[in-house]
Amino acid sequence: MTDLTIRPIDGSDRDGWEPLWAGYLAFYEQTVPRETTEFTWRRLTTSHEVEGLLAVNATGEALGFAHFLFHPSTWNVGGKCYLQDLFVIPSARGREARSSSTGKPRSSMGRLGGSTSAWPNDRRS
């Protein structure tokens, strides 16, 4: 995949992010109330409680997202990065979008002094 950009989610990304969010929930056979989606969107775009990255192709199509947060740890001084949600559209899976989406939070974690990351890999349990 060429011309892939991974960038922070911002307020103008709602139309690209929301179908990905719906696909993510469907993949894990989950539903959330509309107010939870609204609250999640506000958190991603107006606070630093949860950070978000969006993978977009050269035409601006949203291909995937990563939601993550930083938190203190009793195991180190720098803290940890928790990768909460990761979703890539089926047509982009197994290519650069997924590895790039996980690499950016890890890169940010290092710049902020974090030393490890955690990612729950099965939400269905």
PDB file of N, CA and C in Angstrom:
ATOM      1  N   MET A   1       0.854  -1.157   0.000  1.00  0.00           N
ATOM      2  CA  MET A   1       0.000   0.000   0.000  1.00  0.00           C
ATOM      3  C   MET A   1       0.904   1.225   0.000  1.00  0.00           C
ATOM      4  N   THR A   2       0.648   2.157  -0.880  1.00  0.00           N
ATOM      5  CA  THR A   2       1.467   3.361  -0.944  1.00  0.00           C
ATOM      6  C   THR A   2       0.648   4.565  -0.523  1.00  0.00           C
ATOM      7  N   ASP A   3       1.353   5.637  -0.211  1.00  0.00           N
ATOM      8  CA  ASP A   3       0.701   6.887   0.159  1.00  0.00           C
ATOM      9  C   ASP A   3      -0.265   6.720   1.322  1.00  0.00           C
ATOM     10  N   LEU A   4       0.147   5.990   2.309  1.00  0.00           N
ATOM     11  CA  LEU A   4      -0.643   5.829   3.525  1.00  0.00           C
ATOM     12  C   LEU A   4      -0.177   6.864   4.539  1.00  0.00           C
ATOM     13  N   THR A   5      -1.116   7.564   5.130  1.00  0.00           N
ATOM     14  CA  THR A   5      -0.800   8.550   6.152  1.00  0.00           C
ATOM     15  C   THR A   5      -1.470   8.135   7.452  1.00  0.00           C
ATOM     16  N   ILE A   6      -0.703   8.141   8.529  1.00  0.00           N
ATOM     17  CA  ILE A   6      -1.244   7.904   9.867  1.00  0.00           C
ATOM     18  C   ILE A   6      -1.134   9.240  10.588  1.00  0.00           C
ATOM     19  N   ARG A   7      -2.274   9.747  11.046  1.00  0.00           N
ATOM     20  CA  ARG A   7      -2.270  11.060  11.681  1.00  0.00           C
ATOM     21  C   ARG A   7      -3.277  11.095  12.826  1.00  0.00           C
ATOM     22  N   PRO A   8      -3.125  12.059  13.718  1.00  0.00           N
ATOM     23  CA  PRO A   8      -4.098  12.189  14.803  1.00  0.00           C
ATOM     24  C   PRO A   8      -5.503  12.453  14.269  1.00  0.00           C
ATOM     25  N   ILE A   9      -6.483  11.877  14.921  1.00  0.00           N
ATOM     26  CA  ILE A   9      -7.882  12.137  14.586  1.00  0.00           C
ATOM     27  C   ILE A   9      -8.204  13.572  15.000  1.00  0.00           C
ATOM     28  N   ASP A  10      -8.944  14.280  14.133  1.00  0.00           N
ATOM     29  CA  ASP A  10      -9.398  15.621  14.520  1.00  0.00           C
ATOM     30  C   ASP A  10     -10.889  15.760  14.224  1.00  0.00           C
ATOM     31  N   GLY A  11     -11.453  16.870  14.631  1.00  0.00           N
ATOM     32  CA  GLY A  11     -12.888  17.082  14.529  1.00  0.00           C
ATOM     33  C   GLY A  11     -13.467  16.960  13.132  1.00  0.00           C
ATOM     34  N   SER A  12     -12.656  17.140  12.104  1.00  0.00           N
ATOM     35  CA  SER A  12     -13.152  17.047  10.723  1.00  0.00           C
ATOM     36  C   SER A  12     -13.208  15.609  10.208  1.00  0.00           C
ATOM     37  N   ASP A  13     -12.781  14.640  11.013  1.00  0.00           N
ATOM     38  CA  ASP A  13     -12.704  13.239  10.564  1.00  0.00           C
ATOM     39  C   ASP A  13     -13.947  12.404  10.862  1.00  0.00           C
ATOM     40  N   ARG A  14     -14.992  13.001  11.390  1.00  0.00           N
ATOM     41  CA  ARG A  14     -16.154  12.231  11.839  1.00  0.00           C
ATOM     42  C   ARG A  14     -16.721  11.337  10.740  1.00  0.00           C
ATOM     43  N   ASP A  15     -16.874  11.850   9.526  1.00  0.00           N
ATOM     44  CA  ASP A  15     -17.467  11.056   8.441  1.00  0.00           C
ATOM     45  C   ASP A  15     -16.611   9.850   8.065  1.00  0.00           C
ATOM     46  N   GLY A  16     -15.313   9.935   8.254  1.00  0.00           N
ATOM     47  CA  GLY A  16     -14.447   8.792   7.975  1.00  0.00           C
ATOM     48  C   GLY A  16     -14.342   7.848   9.151  1.00  0.00           C
ATOM     49  N   TRP A  17     -14.339   8.387  10.358  1.00  0.00           N
ATOM     50  CA  TRP A  17     -14.166   7.581  11.562  1.00  0.00           C
ATOM     51  C   TRP A  17     -15.408   6.764  11.898  1.00  0.00           C
ATOM     52  N   GLU A  18     -16.586   7.352  11.782  1.00  0.00           N
ATOM     53  CA  GLU A  18     -17.795   6.671  12.266  1.00  0.00           C
ATOM     54  C   GLU A  18     -18.080   5.341  11.558  1.00  0.00           C
ATOM     55  N   PRO A  19     -17.936   5.229  10.237  1.00  0.00           N
ATOM     56  CA  PRO A  19     -18.127   3.900   9.621  1.00  0.00           C
ATOM     57  C   PRO A  19     -17.089   2.875  10.106  1.00  0.00           C
ATOM     58  N   LEU A  20     -15.871   3.339  10.392  1.00  0.00           N
ATOM     59  CA  LEU A  20     -14.856   2.434  10.944  1.00  0.00           C
ATOM     60  C   LEU A  20     -15.271   1.967  12.333  1.00  0.00           C
ATOM     61  N   TRP A  21     -15.762   2.882  13.155  1.00  0.00           N
ATOM     62  CA  TRP A  21     -16.231   2.556  14.504  1.00  0.00           C
ATOM     63  C   TRP A  21     -17.362   1.528  14.429  1.00  0.00           C
ATOM     64  N   ALA A  22     -18.301   1.739  13.516  1.00  0.00           N
ATOM     65  CA  ALA A  22     -19.408   0.785  13.340  1.00  0.00           C
ATOM     66  C   ALA A  22     -18.874  -0.583  12.900  1.00  0.00           C
ATOM     67  N   GLY A  23     -17.894  -0.586  12.000  1.00  0.00           N
ATOM     68  CA  GLY A  23     -17.289  -1.844  11.555  1.00  0.00           C
ATOM     69  C   GLY A  23     -16.554  -2.553  12.671  1.00  0.00           C
ATOM     70  N   TYR A  24     -15.884  -1.784  13.504  1.00  0.00           N
ATOM     71  CA  TYR A  24     -15.171  -2.328  14.663  1.00  0.00           C
ATOM     72  C   TYR A  24     -16.150  -3.004  15.621  1.00  0.00           C
ATOM     73  N   LEU A  25     -17.231  -2.307  15.946  1.00  0.00           N
ATOM     74  CA  LEU A  25     -18.231  -2.878  16.844  1.00  0.00           C
ATOM     75  C   LEU A  25     -18.862  -4.130  16.232  1.00  0.00           C
ATOM     76  N   ALA A  26     -19.167  -4.091  14.938  1.00  0.00           N
ATOM     77  CA  ALA A  26     -19.760  -5.256  14.268  1.00  0.00           C
ATOM     78  C   ALA A  26     -18.798  -6.440  14.278  1.00  0.00           C
ATOM     79  N   PHE A  27     -17.518  -6.190  14.051  1.00  0.00           N
ATOM     80  CA  PHE A  27     -16.523  -7.262  14.064  1.00  0.00           C
ATOM     81  C   PHE A  27     -16.538  -8.012  15.391  1.00  0.00           C
ATOM     82  N   TYR A  28     -16.656  -7.256  16.489  1.00  0.00           N
ATOM     83  CA  TYR A  28     -16.671  -7.875  17.811  1.00  0.00           C
ATOM     84  C   TYR A  28     -18.077  -8.211  18.298  1.00  0.00           C
ATOM     85  N   GLU A  29     -19.050  -8.091  17.370  1.00  0.00           N
ATOM     86  CA  GLU A  29     -20.441  -8.431  17.672  1.00  0.00           C
ATOM     87  C   GLU A  29     -20.929  -7.690  18.908  1.00  0.00           C
ATOM     88  N   GLN A  30     -20.649  -6.376  18.922  1.00  0.00           N
ATOM     89  CA  GLN A  30     -21.014  -5.523  20.053  1.00  0.00           C
ATOM     90  C   GLN A  30     -21.867  -4.352  19.570  1.00  0.00           C
ATOM     91  N   THR A  31     -22.632  -3.811  20.476  1.00  0.00           N
ATOM     92  CA  THR A  31     -23.351  -2.574  20.225  1.00  0.00           C
ATOM     93  C   THR A  31     -23.126  -1.666  21.432  1.00  0.00           C
ATOM     94  N   VAL A  32     -23.167  -0.391  21.180  1.00  0.00           N
ATOM     95  CA  VAL A  32     -23.095   0.590  22.267  1.00  0.00           C
ATOM     96  C   VAL A  32     -24.194   1.613  22.018  1.00  0.00           C
ATOM     97  N   PRO A  33     -24.696   2.222  23.065  1.00  0.00           N
ATOM     98  CA  PRO A  33     -25.690   3.274  22.866  1.00  0.00           C
ATOM     99  C   PRO A  33     -25.102   4.437  22.065  1.00  0.00           C
ATOM    100  N   ARG A  34     -25.954   5.147  21.360  1.00  0.00           N
ATOM    101  CA  ARG A  34     -25.515   6.299  20.564  1.00  0.00           C
ATOM    102  C   ARG A  34     -24.747   7.300  21.437  1.00  0.00           C
ATOM    103  N   GLU A  35     -25.196   7.466  22.675  1.00  0.00           N
ATOM    104  CA  GLU A  35     -24.517   8.419  23.563  1.00  0.00           C
ATOM    105  C   GLU A  35     -23.071   7.998  23.836  1.00  0.00           C
ATOM    106  N   THR A  36     -22.779   6.703  23.815  1.00  0.00           N
ATOM    107  CA  THR A  36     -21.405   6.231  24.005  1.00  0.00           C
ATOM    108  C   THR A  36     -20.551   6.592  22.795  1.00  0.00           C
ATOM    109  N   THR A  37     -21.111   6.430  21.605  1.00  0.00           N
ATOM    110  CA  THR A  37     -20.385   6.834  20.393  1.00  0.00           C
ATOM    111  C   THR A  37     -20.110   8.332  20.425  1.00  0.00           C
ATOM    112  N   GLU A  38     -21.101   9.119  20.800  1.00  0.00           N
ATOM    113  CA  GLU A  38     -20.922  10.572  20.879  1.00  0.00           C
ATOM    114  C   GLU A  38     -19.849  10.932  21.911  1.00  0.00           C
ATOM    115  N   PHE A  39     -19.905  10.290  23.077  1.00  0.00           N
ATOM    116  CA  PHE A  39     -18.934  10.550  24.135  1.00  0.00           C
ATOM    117  C   PHE A  39     -17.526  10.157  23.689  1.00  0.00           C
ATOM    118  N   THR A  40     -17.409   9.009  23.027  1.00  0.00           N
ATOM    119  CA  THR A  40     -16.108   8.542  22.523  1.00  0.00           C
ATOM    120  C   THR A  40     -15.551   9.549  21.519  1.00  0.00           C
ATOM    121  N   TRP A  41     -16.399  10.005  20.594  1.00  0.00           N
ATOM    122  CA  TRP A  41     -15.946  10.982  19.603  1.00  0.00           C
ATOM    123  C   TRP A  41     -15.451  12.267  20.276  1.00  0.00           C
ATOM    124  N   ARG A  42     -16.220  12.763  21.238  1.00  0.00           N
ATOM    125  CA  ARG A  42     -15.796  13.979  21.945  1.00  0.00           C
ATOM    126  C   ARG A  42     -14.466  13.762  22.660  1.00  0.00           C
ATOM    127  N   ARG A  43     -14.306  12.617  23.292  1.00  0.00           N
ATOM    128  CA  ARG A  43     -13.047  12.317  23.981  1.00  0.00           C
ATOM    129  C   ARG A  43     -11.876  12.314  23.009  1.00  0.00           C
ATOM    130  N   LEU A  44     -12.069  11.696  21.854  1.00  0.00           N
ATOM    131  CA  LEU A  44     -10.994  11.599  20.866  1.00  0.00           C
ATOM    132  C   LEU A  44     -10.606  12.954  20.293  1.00  0.00           C
ATOM    133  N   THR A  45     -11.549  13.874  20.246  1.00  0.00           N
ATOM    134  CA  THR A  45     -11.290  15.127  19.543  1.00  0.00           C
ATOM    135  C   THR A  45     -11.157  16.352  20.445  1.00  0.00           C
ATOM    136  N   THR A  46     -11.469  16.219  21.740  1.00  0.00           N
ATOM    137  CA  THR A  46     -11.411  17.400  22.590  1.00  0.00           C
ATOM    138  C   THR A  46     -10.625  17.205  23.882  1.00  0.00           C
ATOM    139  N   SER A  47     -10.135  16.013  24.130  1.00  0.00           N
ATOM    140  CA  SER A  47      -9.369  15.779  25.352  1.00  0.00           C
ATOM    141  C   SER A  47      -8.152  14.922  25.030  1.00  0.00           C
ATOM    142  N   HIS A  48      -7.348  14.686  26.017  1.00  0.00           N
ATOM    143  CA  HIS A  48      -6.205  13.784  25.840  1.00  0.00           C
ATOM    144  C   HIS A  48      -6.359  12.544  26.710  1.00  0.00           C
ATOM    145  N   GLU A  49      -7.588  12.294  27.185  1.00  0.00           N
ATOM    146  CA  GLU A  49      -7.834  11.079  27.965  1.00  0.00           C
ATOM    147  C   GLU A  49      -7.584   9.842  27.113  1.00  0.00           C
ATOM    148  N   VAL A  50      -8.112   9.876  25.900  1.00  0.00           N
ATOM    149  CA  VAL A  50      -7.922   8.810  24.921  1.00  0.00           C
ATOM    150  C   VAL A  50      -7.435   9.484  23.646  1.00  0.00           C
ATOM    151  N   GLU A  51      -6.348   8.973  23.094  1.00  0.00           N
ATOM    152  CA  GLU A  51      -5.792   9.512  21.850  1.00  0.00           C
ATOM    153  C   GLU A  51      -6.293   8.665  20.682  1.00  0.00           C
ATOM    154  N   GLY A  52      -6.348   9.252  19.516  1.00  0.00           N
ATOM    155  CA  GLY A  52      -6.775   8.509  18.338  1.00  0.00           C
ATOM    156  C   GLY A  52      -5.921   8.826  17.137  1.00  0.00           C
ATOM    157  N   LEU A  53      -5.657   7.802  16.356  1.00  0.00           N
ATOM    158  CA  LEU A  53      -4.946   7.947  15.086  1.00  0.00           C
ATOM    159  C   LEU A  53      -5.838   7.404  13.978  1.00  0.00           C
ATOM    160  N   LEU A  54      -5.740   7.984  12.808  1.00  0.00           N
ATOM    161  CA  LEU A  54      -6.514   7.570  11.659  1.00  0.00           C
ATOM    162  C   LEU A  54      -5.554   7.257  10.517  1.00  0.00           C
ATOM    163  N   ALA A  55      -5.759   6.123   9.876  1.00  0.00           N
ATOM    164  CA  ALA A  55      -4.988   5.756   8.685  1.00  0.00           C
ATOM    165  C   ALA A  55      -5.817   6.150   7.464  1.00  0.00           C
ATOM    166  N   VAL A  56      -5.250   6.967   6.598  1.00  0.00           N
ATOM    167  CA  VAL A  56      -5.951   7.398   5.386  1.00  0.00           C
ATOM    168  C   VAL A  56      -5.064   7.151   4.167  1.00  0.00           C
ATOM    169  N   ASN A  57      -5.707   6.856   3.045  1.00  0.00           N
ATOM    170  CA  ASN A  57      -4.944   6.644   1.814  1.00  0.00           C
ATOM    171  C   ASN A  57      -4.771   7.968   1.074  1.00  0.00           C
ATOM    172  N   ALA A  58      -4.188   7.914  -0.096  1.00  0.00           N
ATOM    173  CA  ALA A  58      -3.855   9.124  -0.860  1.00  0.00           C
ATOM    174  C   ALA A  58      -5.085   9.938  -1.245  1.00  0.00           C
ATOM    175  N   THR A  59      -6.245   9.283  -1.360  1.00  0.00           N
ATOM    176  CA  THR A  59      -7.472  10.011  -1.712  1.00  0.00           C
ATOM    177  C   THR A  59      -8.224  10.505  -0.481  1.00  0.00           C
ATOM    178  N   GLY A  60      -7.688  10.234   0.707  1.00  0.00           N
ATOM    179  CA  GLY A  60      -8.326  10.687   1.939  1.00  0.00           C
ATOM    180  C   GLY A  60      -9.295   9.697   2.543  1.00  0.00           C
ATOM    181  N   GLU A  61      -9.417   8.501   1.931  1.00  0.00           N
ATOM    182  CA  GLU A  61     -10.322   7.482   2.474  1.00  0.00           C
ATOM    183  C   GLU A  61      -9.756   6.940   3.785  1.00  0.00           C
ATOM    184  N   ALA A  62     -10.591   6.905   4.803  1.00  0.00           N
ATOM    185  CA  ALA A  62     -10.179   6.358   6.095  1.00  0.00           C
ATOM    186  C   ALA A  62     -10.141   4.839   6.012  1.00  0.00           C
ATOM    187  N   LEU A  63      -8.983   4.258   6.339  1.00  0.00           N
ATOM    188  CA  LEU A  63      -8.791   2.813   6.257  1.00  0.00           C
ATOM    189  C   LEU A  63      -8.783   2.130   7.614  1.00  0.00           C
ATOM    190  N   GLY A  64      -8.467   2.876   8.665  1.00  0.00           N
ATOM    191  CA  GLY A  64      -8.406   2.258   9.978  1.00  0.00           C
ATOM    192  C   GLY A  64      -8.119   3.282  11.047  1.00  0.00           C
ATOM    193  N   PHE A  65      -8.238   2.817  12.293  1.00  0.00           N
ATOM    194  CA  PHE A  65      -7.941   3.687  13.423  1.00  0.00           C
ATOM    195  C   PHE A  65      -7.274   2.920  14.540  1.00  0.00           C
ATOM    196  N   ALA A  66      -6.651   3.662  15.406  1.00  0.00           N
ATOM    197  CA  ALA A  66      -6.115   3.138  16.666  1.00  0.00           C
ATOM    198  C   ALA A  66      -6.502   4.138  17.748  1.00  0.00           C
ATOM    199  N   HIS A  67      -7.059   3.626  18.841  1.00  0.00           N
ATOM    200  CA  HIS A  67      -7.371   4.442  20.017  1.00  0.00           C
ATOM    201  C   HIS A  67      -6.481   3.938  21.141  1.00  0.00           C
ATOM    202  N   PHE A  68      -5.812   4.835  21.829  1.00  0.00           N
ATOM    203  CA  PHE A  68      -4.884   4.426  22.873  1.00  0.00           C
ATOM    204  C   PHE A  68      -4.835   5.461  23.975  1.00  0.00           C
ATOM    205  N   LEU A  69      -4.295   5.066  25.110  1.00  0.00           N
ATOM    206  CA  LEU A  69      -4.147   5.991  26.222  1.00  0.00           C
ATOM    207  C   LEU A  69      -2.865   5.688  26.970  1.00  0.00           C
ATOM    208  N   PHE A  70      -2.368   6.708  27.615  1.00  0.00           N
ATOM    209  CA  PHE A  70      -1.162   6.569  28.426  1.00  0.00           C
ATOM    210  C   PHE A  70      -1.581   6.558  29.888  1.00  0.00           C
ATOM    211  N   HIS A  71      -0.913   5.728  30.671  1.00  0.00           N
ATOM    212  CA  HIS A  71      -1.234   5.672  32.089  1.00  0.00           C
ATOM    213  C   HIS A  71       0.019   5.364  32.900  1.00  0.00           C
ATOM    214  N   PRO A  72       0.015   5.785  34.175  1.00  0.00           N
ATOM    215  CA  PRO A  72       1.157   5.502  35.032  1.00  0.00           C
ATOM    216  C   PRO A  72       1.275   4.014  35.306  1.00  0.00           C
ATOM    217  N   SER A  73       2.438   3.627  35.745  1.00  0.00           N
ATOM    218  CA  SER A  73       2.691   2.221  36.053  1.00  0.00           C
ATOM    219  C   SER A  73       3.491   2.117  37.341  1.00  0.00           C
ATOM    220  N   THR A  74       3.267   1.060  38.075  1.00  0.00           N
ATOM    221  CA  THR A  74       4.095   0.780  39.247  1.00  0.00           C
ATOM    222  C   THR A  74       5.352   0.015  38.857  1.00  0.00           C
ATOM    223  N   TRP A  75       5.481  -0.355  37.584  1.00  0.00           N
ATOM    224  CA  TRP A  75       6.607  -1.157  37.118  1.00  0.00           C
ATOM    225  C   TRP A  75       7.713  -0.338  36.474  1.00  0.00           C
ATOM    226  N   ASN A  76       7.451   0.944  36.204  1.00  0.00           N
ATOM    227  CA  ASN A  76       8.472   1.787  35.604  1.00  0.00           C
ATOM    228  C   ASN A  76       8.150   3.254  35.861  1.00  0.00           C
ATOM    229  N   VAL A  77       9.073   4.125  35.530  1.00  0.00           N
ATOM    230  CA  VAL A  77       8.894   5.552  35.756  1.00  0.00           C
ATOM    231  C   VAL A  77       8.077   6.186  34.631  1.00  0.00           C
ATOM    232  N   GLY A  78       8.276   5.722  33.420  1.00  0.00           N
ATOM    233  CA  GLY A  78       7.677   6.380  32.262  1.00  0.00           C
ATOM    234  C   GLY A  78       6.222   6.091  32.007  1.00  0.00           C
ATOM    235  N   GLY A  79       5.673   5.034  32.556  1.00  0.00           N
ATOM    236  CA  GLY A  79       4.285   4.691  32.297  1.00  0.00           C
ATOM    237  C   GLY A  79       4.136   3.719  31.145  1.00  0.00           C
ATOM    238  N   LYS A  80       2.895   3.494  30.763  1.00  0.00           N
ATOM    239  CA  LYS A  80       2.583   2.540  29.705  1.00  0.00           C
ATOM    240  C   LYS A  80       1.593   3.141  28.720  1.00  0.00           C
ATOM    241  N   CYS A  81       1.593   2.561  27.545  1.00  0.00           N
ATOM    242  CA  CYS A  81       0.622   2.910  26.515  1.00  0.00           C
ATOM    243  C   CYS A  81      -0.308   1.715  26.355  1.00  0.00           C
ATOM    244  N   TYR A  82      -1.598   1.957  26.492  1.00  0.00           N
ATOM    245  CA  TYR A  82      -2.600   0.910  26.354  1.00  0.00           C
ATOM    246  C   TYR A  82      -3.318   1.119  25.032  1.00  0.00           C
ATOM    247  N   LEU A  83      -3.185   0.167  24.126  1.00  0.00           N
ATOM    248  CA  LEU A  83      -3.864   0.228  22.836  1.00  0.00           C
ATOM    249  C   LEU A  83      -5.259  -0.339  23.031  1.00  0.00           C
ATOM    250  N   GLN A  84      -6.234   0.544  23.124  1.00  0.00           N
ATOM    251  CA  GLN A  84      -7.589   0.126  23.470  1.00  0.00           C
ATOM    252  C   GLN A  84      -8.345  -0.451  22.287  1.00  0.00           C
ATOM    253  N   ASP A  85      -8.306   0.218  21.151  1.00  0.00           N
ATOM    254  CA  ASP A  85      -9.065  -0.215  19.980  1.00  0.00           C
ATOM    255  C   ASP A  85      -8.180  -0.113  18.750  1.00  0.00           C
ATOM    256  N   LEU A  86      -8.287  -1.107  17.885  1.00  0.00           N
ATOM    257  CA  LEU A  86      -7.571  -1.089  16.614  1.00  0.00           C
ATOM    258  C   LEU A  86      -8.487  -1.710  15.574  1.00  0.00           C
ATOM    259  N   PHE A  87      -8.698  -1.007  14.485  1.00  0.00           N
ATOM    260  CA  PHE A  87      -9.555  -1.537  13.427  1.00  0.00           C
ATOM    261  C   PHE A  87      -9.042  -1.066  12.085  1.00  0.00           C
ATOM    262  N   VAL A  88      -9.007  -1.992  11.131  1.00  0.00           N
ATOM    263  CA  VAL A  88      -8.622  -1.706   9.750  1.00  0.00           C
ATOM    264  C   VAL A  88      -9.671  -2.346   8.855  1.00  0.00           C
ATOM    265  N   ILE A  89     -10.130  -1.625   7.839  1.00  0.00           N
ATOM    266  CA  ILE A  89     -11.145  -2.191   6.945  1.00  0.00           C
ATOM    267  C   ILE A  89     -10.605  -3.472   6.310  1.00  0.00           C
ATOM    268  N   PRO A  90     -11.500  -4.431   6.037  1.00  0.00           N
ATOM    269  CA  PRO A  90     -11.044  -5.727   5.517  1.00  0.00           C
ATOM    270  C   PRO A  90     -10.143  -5.637   4.294  1.00  0.00           C
ATOM    271  N   SER A  91     -10.426  -4.733   3.362  1.00  0.00           N
ATOM    272  CA  SER A  91      -9.617  -4.657   2.134  1.00  0.00           C
ATOM    273  C   SER A  91      -8.196  -4.162   2.381  1.00  0.00           C
ATOM    274  N   ALA A  92      -7.937  -3.562   3.535  1.00  0.00           N
ATOM    275  CA  ALA A  92      -6.591  -3.054   3.843  1.00  0.00           C
ATOM    276  C   ALA A  92      -5.861  -3.933   4.860  1.00  0.00           C
ATOM    277  N   ARG A  93      -6.505  -4.977   5.347  1.00  0.00           N
ATOM    278  CA  ARG A  93      -5.878  -5.839   6.356  1.00  0.00           C
ATOM    279  C   ARG A  93      -4.746  -6.664   5.749  1.00  0.00           C
ATOM    280  N   GLY A  94      -3.768  -6.945   6.594  1.00  0.00           N
ATOM    281  CA  GLY A  94      -2.645  -7.759   6.148  1.00  0.00           C
ATOM    282  C   GLY A  94      -1.640  -6.969   5.329  1.00  0.00           C
ATOM    283  N   ARG A  95      -1.851  -5.678   5.268  1.00  0.00           N
ATOM    284  CA  ARG A  95      -0.930  -4.816   4.531  1.00  0.00           C
ATOM    285  C   ARG A  95      -0.372  -3.782   5.488  1.00  0.00           C
ATOM    286  N   GLU A  96       0.075  -2.691   4.991  1.00  0.00           N
ATOM    287  CA  GLU A  96       0.791  -1.696   5.780  1.00  0.00           C
ATOM    288  C   GLU A  96      -0.074  -0.977   6.810  1.00  0.00           C
ATOM    289  N   ALA A  97      -1.386  -0.884   6.613  1.00  0.00           N
ATOM    290  CA  ALA A  97      -2.236  -0.081   7.504  1.00  0.00           C
ATOM    291  C   ALA A  97      -2.188  -0.573   8.941  1.00  0.00           C
ATOM    292  N   ARG A  98      -2.244  -1.876   9.159  1.00  0.00           N
ATOM    293  CA  ARG A  98      -2.265  -2.386  10.530  1.00  0.00           C
ATOM    294  C   ARG A  98      -0.935  -2.175  11.234  1.00  0.00           C
ATOM    295  N   SER A  99       0.157  -2.517  10.585  1.00  0.00           N
ATOM    296  CA  SER A  99       1.452  -2.347  11.248  1.00  0.00           C
ATOM    297  C   SER A  99       1.764  -0.884  11.479  1.00  0.00           C
ATOM    298  N   SER A 100       1.360  -0.019  10.575  1.00  0.00           N
ATOM    299  CA  SER A 100       1.578   1.413  10.777  1.00  0.00           C
ATOM    300  C   SER A 100       0.728   1.940  11.917  1.00  0.00           C
ATOM    301  N   SER A 101      -0.494   1.444  12.051  1.00  0.00           N
ATOM    302  CA  SER A 101      -1.390   1.916  13.106  1.00  0.00           C
ATOM    303  C   SER A 101      -0.868   1.568  14.488  1.00  0.00           C
ATOM    304  N   THR A 102      -0.220   0.420  14.630  1.00  0.00           N
ATOM    305  CA  THR A 102       0.318   0.062  15.937  1.00  0.00           C
ATOM    306  C   THR A 102       1.668   0.708  16.167  1.00  0.00           C
ATOM    307  N   GLY A 103       2.391   1.018  15.115  1.00  0.00           N
ATOM    308  CA  GLY A 103       3.705   1.641  15.271  1.00  0.00           C
ATOM    309  C   GLY A 103       3.639   3.061  15.783  1.00  0.00           C
ATOM    310  N   LYS A 104       2.650   3.829  15.363  1.00  0.00           N
ATOM    311  CA  LYS A 104       2.532   5.222  15.793  1.00  0.00           C
ATOM    312  C   LYS A 104       2.322   5.357  17.299  1.00  0.00           C
ATOM    313  N   PRO A 105       1.394   4.599  17.920  1.00  0.00           N
ATOM    314  CA  PRO A 105       1.295   4.722  19.375  1.00  0.00           C
ATOM    315  C   PRO A 105       2.590   4.339  20.081  1.00  0.00           C
ATOM    316  N   ARG A 106       3.268   3.323  19.586  1.00  0.00           N
ATOM    317  CA  ARG A 106       4.539   2.931  20.195  1.00  0.00           C
ATOM    318  C   ARG A 106       5.569   4.042  20.057  1.00  0.00           C
ATOM    319  N   SER A 107       5.583   4.694  18.903  1.00  0.00           N
ATOM    320  CA  SER A 107       6.502   5.806  18.689  1.00  0.00           C
ATOM    321  C   SER A 107       6.179   6.962  19.637  1.00  0.00           C
ATOM    322  N   SER A 108       4.894   7.287  19.763  1.00  0.00           N
ATOM    323  CA  SER A 108       4.481   8.347  20.683  1.00  0.00           C
ATOM    324  C   SER A 108       4.835   7.994  22.112  1.00  0.00           C
ATOM    325  N   MET A 109       4.661   6.732  22.467  1.00  0.00           N
ATOM    326  CA  MET A 109       4.954   6.280  23.820  1.00  0.00           C
ATOM    327  C   MET A 109       6.413   6.540  24.159  1.00  0.00           C
ATOM    328  N   GLY A 110       7.314   6.249  23.243  1.00  0.00           N
ATOM    329  CA  GLY A 110       8.732   6.458  23.491  1.00  0.00           C
ATOM    330  C   GLY A 110       9.074   7.922  23.677  1.00  0.00           C
ATOM    331  N   ARG A 111       8.470   8.782  22.876  1.00  0.00           N
ATOM    332  CA  ARG A 111       8.717  10.212  23.004  1.00  0.00           C
ATOM    333  C   ARG A 111       8.211  10.759  24.323  1.00  0.00           C
ATOM    334  N   LEU A 112       7.157  10.150  24.874  1.00  0.00           N
ATOM    335  CA  LEU A 112       6.573  10.634  26.122  1.00  0.00           C
ATOM    336  C   LEU A 112       7.143   9.934  27.349  1.00  0.00           C
ATOM    337  N   GLY A 113       8.109   9.053  27.153  1.00  0.00           N
ATOM    338  CA  GLY A 113       8.765   8.421  28.283  1.00  0.00           C
ATOM    339  C   GLY A 113       8.181   7.083  28.680  1.00  0.00           C
ATOM    340  N   GLY A 114       7.160   6.614  27.988  1.00  0.00           N
ATOM    341  CA  GLY A 114       6.585   5.306  28.295  1.00  0.00           C
ATOM    342  C   GLY A 114       7.511   4.198  27.838  1.00  0.00           C
ATOM    343  N   SER A 115       7.424   3.069  28.500  1.00  0.00           N
ATOM    344  CA  SER A 115       8.367   2.015  28.157  1.00  0.00           C
ATOM    345  C   SER A 115       7.727   0.747  27.624  1.00  0.00           C
ATOM    346  N   THR A 116       6.457   0.542  27.843  1.00  0.00           N
ATOM    347  CA  THR A 116       5.820  -0.681  27.357  1.00  0.00           C
ATOM    348  C   THR A 116       4.419  -0.375  26.880  1.00  0.00           C
ATOM    349  N   SER A 117       3.861  -1.315  26.144  1.00  0.00           N
ATOM    350  CA  SER A 117       2.489  -1.159  25.695  1.00  0.00           C
ATOM    351  C   SER A 117       1.710  -2.430  25.988  1.00  0.00           C
ATOM    352  N   ALA A 118       0.410  -2.278  26.067  1.00  0.00           N
ATOM    353  CA  ALA A 118      -0.474  -3.414  26.286  1.00  0.00           C
ATOM    354  C   ALA A 118      -1.612  -3.310  25.295  1.00  0.00           C
ATOM    355  N   TRP A 119      -2.036  -4.446  24.769  1.00  0.00           N
ATOM    356  CA  TRP A 119      -3.102  -4.463  23.788  1.00  0.00           C
ATOM    357  C   TRP A 119      -3.939  -5.702  24.004  1.00  0.00           C
ATOM    358  N   PRO A 120      -5.232  -5.527  24.360  1.00  0.00           N
ATOM    359  CA  PRO A 120      -6.106  -6.696  24.477  1.00  0.00           C
ATOM    360  C   PRO A 120      -6.416  -7.204  23.079  1.00  0.00           C
ATOM    361  N   ASN A 121      -6.124  -8.452  22.806  1.00  0.00           N
ATOM    362  CA  ASN A 121      -6.265  -8.929  21.430  1.00  0.00           C
ATOM    363  C   ASN A 121      -7.533  -9.731  21.191  1.00  0.00           C
ATOM    364  N   ASP A 122      -8.411  -9.887  22.163  1.00  0.00           N
ATOM    365  CA  ASP A 122      -9.666 -10.561  21.901  1.00  0.00           C
ATOM    366  C   ASP A 122     -10.751  -9.934  22.749  1.00  0.00           C
ATOM    367  N   ARG A 123     -11.587  -9.121  22.135  1.00  0.00           N
ATOM    368  CA  ARG A 123     -12.656  -8.438  22.840  1.00  0.00           C
ATOM    369  C   ARG A 123     -13.882  -9.316  23.029  1.00  0.00           C
ATOM    370  N   ARG A 124     -13.935 -10.479  22.404  1.00  0.00           N
ATOM    371  CA  ARG A 124     -15.132 -11.296  22.493  1.00  0.00           C
ATOM    372  C   ARG A 124     -15.200 -12.118  23.761  1.00  0.00           C
ATOM    373  N   SER A 125     -14.132 -12.135  24.553  1.00  0.00           N
ATOM    374  CA  SER A 125     -14.148 -12.953  25.767  1.00  0.00           C
ATOM    375  C   SER A 125     -14.588 -12.158  26.962  1.00  0.00           C
TER     376      SER A 125
END
